[in-house]
Amino acid sequence: MGGKTVSPEVVALALKIADSVSRSDIECYCLMTKNRRIWWYDTAVAEPEDAEFVAEAVRYLDLRGLLVHHEADGKLVRFKKEGEA
């Protein structure tokens, strides 16, 4: 970033924005399915032109520890609830 130090406030805001955009990509481009009273997003059914956005969003949210993958079908995801391990 041009050698300029980025403040913690900017980093926190950038993470918040990236979290929100990634979540929105999954919500917008993936179909929801219900499994045992839990709603999941099916990341495998995104349109081909949206697949890259979805894959990037899943990777980012995984790295941030904000997604849960269905134990039987890893393409189904849900967002972790606040305080969930």
C-alpha atoms as a PDB file:
ATOM      1  CA  MET A   1       0.000   0.000   0.000  1.00  0.00           C
ATOM      2  CA  GLY A   2       2.649   2.496  -0.970  1.00  0.00           C
ATOM      3  CA  GLY A   3       4.664   2.081   2.229  1.00  0.00           C
ATOM      4  CA  LYS A   4       2.019   3.830   4.306  1.00  0.00           C
ATOM      5  CA  THR A   5       1.058   2.192   7.585  1.00  0.00           C
ATOM      6  CA  VAL A   6      -2.594   1.152   7.762  1.00  0.00           C
ATOM      7  CA  SER A   7      -4.310   1.957  11.030  1.00  0.00           C
ATOM      8  CA  PRO A   8      -6.063  -0.772  13.037  1.00  0.00           C
ATOM      9  CA  GLU A   9      -9.323   1.110  12.464  1.00  0.00           C
ATOM     10  CA  VAL A  10      -8.932   0.785   8.690  1.00  0.00           C
ATOM     11  CA  VAL A  11      -8.066  -2.916   8.985  1.00  0.00           C
ATOM     12  CA  ALA A  12     -11.132  -3.551  11.179  1.00  0.00           C
ATOM     13  CA  LEU A  13     -13.379  -1.725   8.718  1.00  0.00           C
ATOM     14  CA  ALA A  14     -11.866  -3.587   5.752  1.00  0.00           C
ATOM     15  CA  LEU A  15     -12.528  -6.935   7.453  1.00  0.00           C
ATOM     16  CA  LYS A  16     -16.095  -5.937   8.238  1.00  0.00           C
ATOM     17  CA  ILE A  17     -16.699  -4.940   4.624  1.00  0.00           C
ATOM     18  CA  ALA A  18     -15.042  -8.096   3.245  1.00  0.00           C
ATOM     19  CA  ASP A  19     -17.092 -10.268   5.621  1.00  0.00           C
ATOM     20  CA  SER A  20     -20.287  -8.573   4.501  1.00  0.00           C
ATOM     21  CA  VAL A  21     -19.540  -8.746   0.769  1.00  0.00           C
ATOM     22  CA  SER A  22     -18.538 -12.416   0.965  1.00  0.00           C
ATOM     23  CA  ARG A  23     -21.661 -13.293   2.901  1.00  0.00           C
ATOM     24  CA  SER A  24     -23.790 -11.366   0.402  1.00  0.00           C
ATOM     25  CA  ASP A  25     -22.219 -13.224  -2.528  1.00  0.00           C
ATOM     26  CA  ILE A  26     -23.236 -16.560  -1.008  1.00  0.00           C
ATOM     27  CA  GLU A  27     -26.712 -15.298  -0.106  1.00  0.00           C
ATOM     28  CA  CYS A  28     -27.281 -13.879  -3.595  1.00  0.00           C
ATOM     29  CA  TYR A  29     -25.766 -16.570  -5.821  1.00  0.00           C
ATOM     30  CA  CYS A  30     -26.559 -19.815  -3.963  1.00  0.00           C
ATOM     31  CA  LEU A  31     -29.839 -21.614  -3.401  1.00  0.00           C
ATOM     32  CA  MET A  32     -31.021 -22.313   0.118  1.00  0.00           C
ATOM     33  CA  THR A  33     -32.020 -25.783   1.203  1.00  0.00           C
ATOM     34  CA  LYS A  34     -33.392 -26.995   4.511  1.00  0.00           C
ATOM     35  CA  ASN A  35     -31.872 -30.002   6.237  1.00  0.00           C
ATOM     36  CA  ARG A  36     -33.168 -31.063   9.657  1.00  0.00           C
ATOM     37  CA  ARG A  37     -34.583 -27.639  10.506  1.00  0.00           C
ATOM     38  CA  ILE A  38     -31.362 -25.885   9.487  1.00  0.00           C
ATOM     39  CA  TRP A  39     -31.086 -23.722   6.395  1.00  0.00           C
ATOM     40  CA  TRP A  40     -27.978 -24.242   4.256  1.00  0.00           C
ATOM     41  CA  TYR A  41     -26.656 -22.508   1.145  1.00  0.00           C
ATOM     42  CA  ASP A  42     -25.820 -24.856  -1.725  1.00  0.00           C
ATOM     43  CA  THR A  43     -22.580 -23.494  -3.153  1.00  0.00           C
ATOM     44  CA  ALA A  44     -22.549 -26.095  -5.943  1.00  0.00           C
ATOM     45  CA  VAL A  45     -25.546 -24.621  -7.784  1.00  0.00           C
ATOM     46  CA  ALA A  46     -24.210 -21.148  -8.493  1.00  0.00           C
ATOM     47  CA  GLU A  47     -24.462 -20.115 -12.147  1.00  0.00           C
ATOM     48  CA  PRO A  48     -21.172 -20.567 -14.041  1.00  0.00           C
ATOM     49  CA  GLU A  49     -20.605 -16.808 -14.261  1.00  0.00           C
ATOM     50  CA  ASP A  50     -21.036 -16.546 -10.462  1.00  0.00           C
ATOM     51  CA  ALA A  51     -19.018 -19.619  -9.454  1.00  0.00           C
ATOM     52  CA  GLU A  52     -15.755 -17.696  -9.092  1.00  0.00           C
ATOM     53  CA  PHE A  53     -17.348 -15.164  -6.725  1.00  0.00           C
ATOM     54  CA  VAL A  54     -18.888 -17.946  -4.642  1.00  0.00           C
ATOM     55  CA  ALA A  55     -15.645 -19.950  -4.479  1.00  0.00           C
ATOM     56  CA  GLU A  56     -13.729 -16.858  -3.391  1.00  0.00           C
ATOM     57  CA  ALA A  57     -16.362 -15.991  -0.777  1.00  0.00           C
ATOM     58  CA  VAL A  58     -16.315 -19.534   0.636  1.00  0.00           C
ATOM     59  CA  ARG A  59     -12.520 -19.558   0.771  1.00  0.00           C
ATOM     60  CA  TYR A  60     -12.389 -16.171   2.492  1.00  0.00           C
ATOM     61  CA  LEU A  61     -15.090 -16.994   5.058  1.00  0.00           C
ATOM     62  CA  ASP A  62     -13.440 -20.381   5.724  1.00  0.00           C
ATOM     63  CA  LEU A  63     -10.129 -18.651   6.384  1.00  0.00           C
ATOM     64  CA  ARG A  64     -11.932 -16.242   8.723  1.00  0.00           C
ATOM     65  CA  GLY A  65     -13.617 -19.171  10.511  1.00  0.00           C
ATOM     66  CA  LEU A  66     -17.099 -17.856   9.735  1.00  0.00           C
ATOM     67  CA  LEU A  67     -18.591 -20.825   7.833  1.00  0.00           C
ATOM     68  CA  VAL A  68     -19.850 -24.248   8.818  1.00  0.00           C
ATOM     69  CA  HIS A  69     -19.828 -26.995   6.178  1.00  0.00           C
ATOM     70  CA  HIS A  70     -22.468 -29.727   6.289  1.00  0.00           C
ATOM     71  CA  GLU A  71     -20.849 -32.923   7.561  1.00  0.00           C
ATOM     72  CA  ALA A  72     -22.292 -35.113   4.775  1.00  0.00           C
ATOM     73  CA  ASP A  73     -22.093 -32.593   1.915  1.00  0.00           C
ATOM     74  CA  GLY A  74     -19.289 -30.050   2.104  1.00  0.00           C
ATOM     75  CA  LYS A  75     -20.846 -27.909  -0.661  1.00  0.00           C
ATOM     76  CA  LEU A  76     -23.647 -26.983   1.761  1.00  0.00           C
ATOM     77  CA  VAL A  77     -22.640 -24.144   4.062  1.00  0.00           C
ATOM     78  CA  ARG A  78     -24.168 -21.931   6.699  1.00  0.00           C
ATOM     79  CA  PHE A  79     -22.853 -18.926   8.553  1.00  0.00           C
ATOM     80  CA  LYS A  80     -21.624 -19.431  12.086  1.00  0.00           C
ATOM     81  CA  LYS A  81     -23.757 -17.827  14.726  1.00  0.00           C
ATOM     82  CA  GLU A  82     -22.094 -15.343  17.029  1.00  0.00           C
ATOM     83  CA  GLY A  83     -20.290 -17.208  19.806  1.00  0.00           C
ATOM     84  CA  GLU A  84     -20.434 -20.536  17.941  1.00  0.00           C
ATOM     85  CA  ALA A  85     -17.164 -22.469  18.047  1.00  0.00           C
END
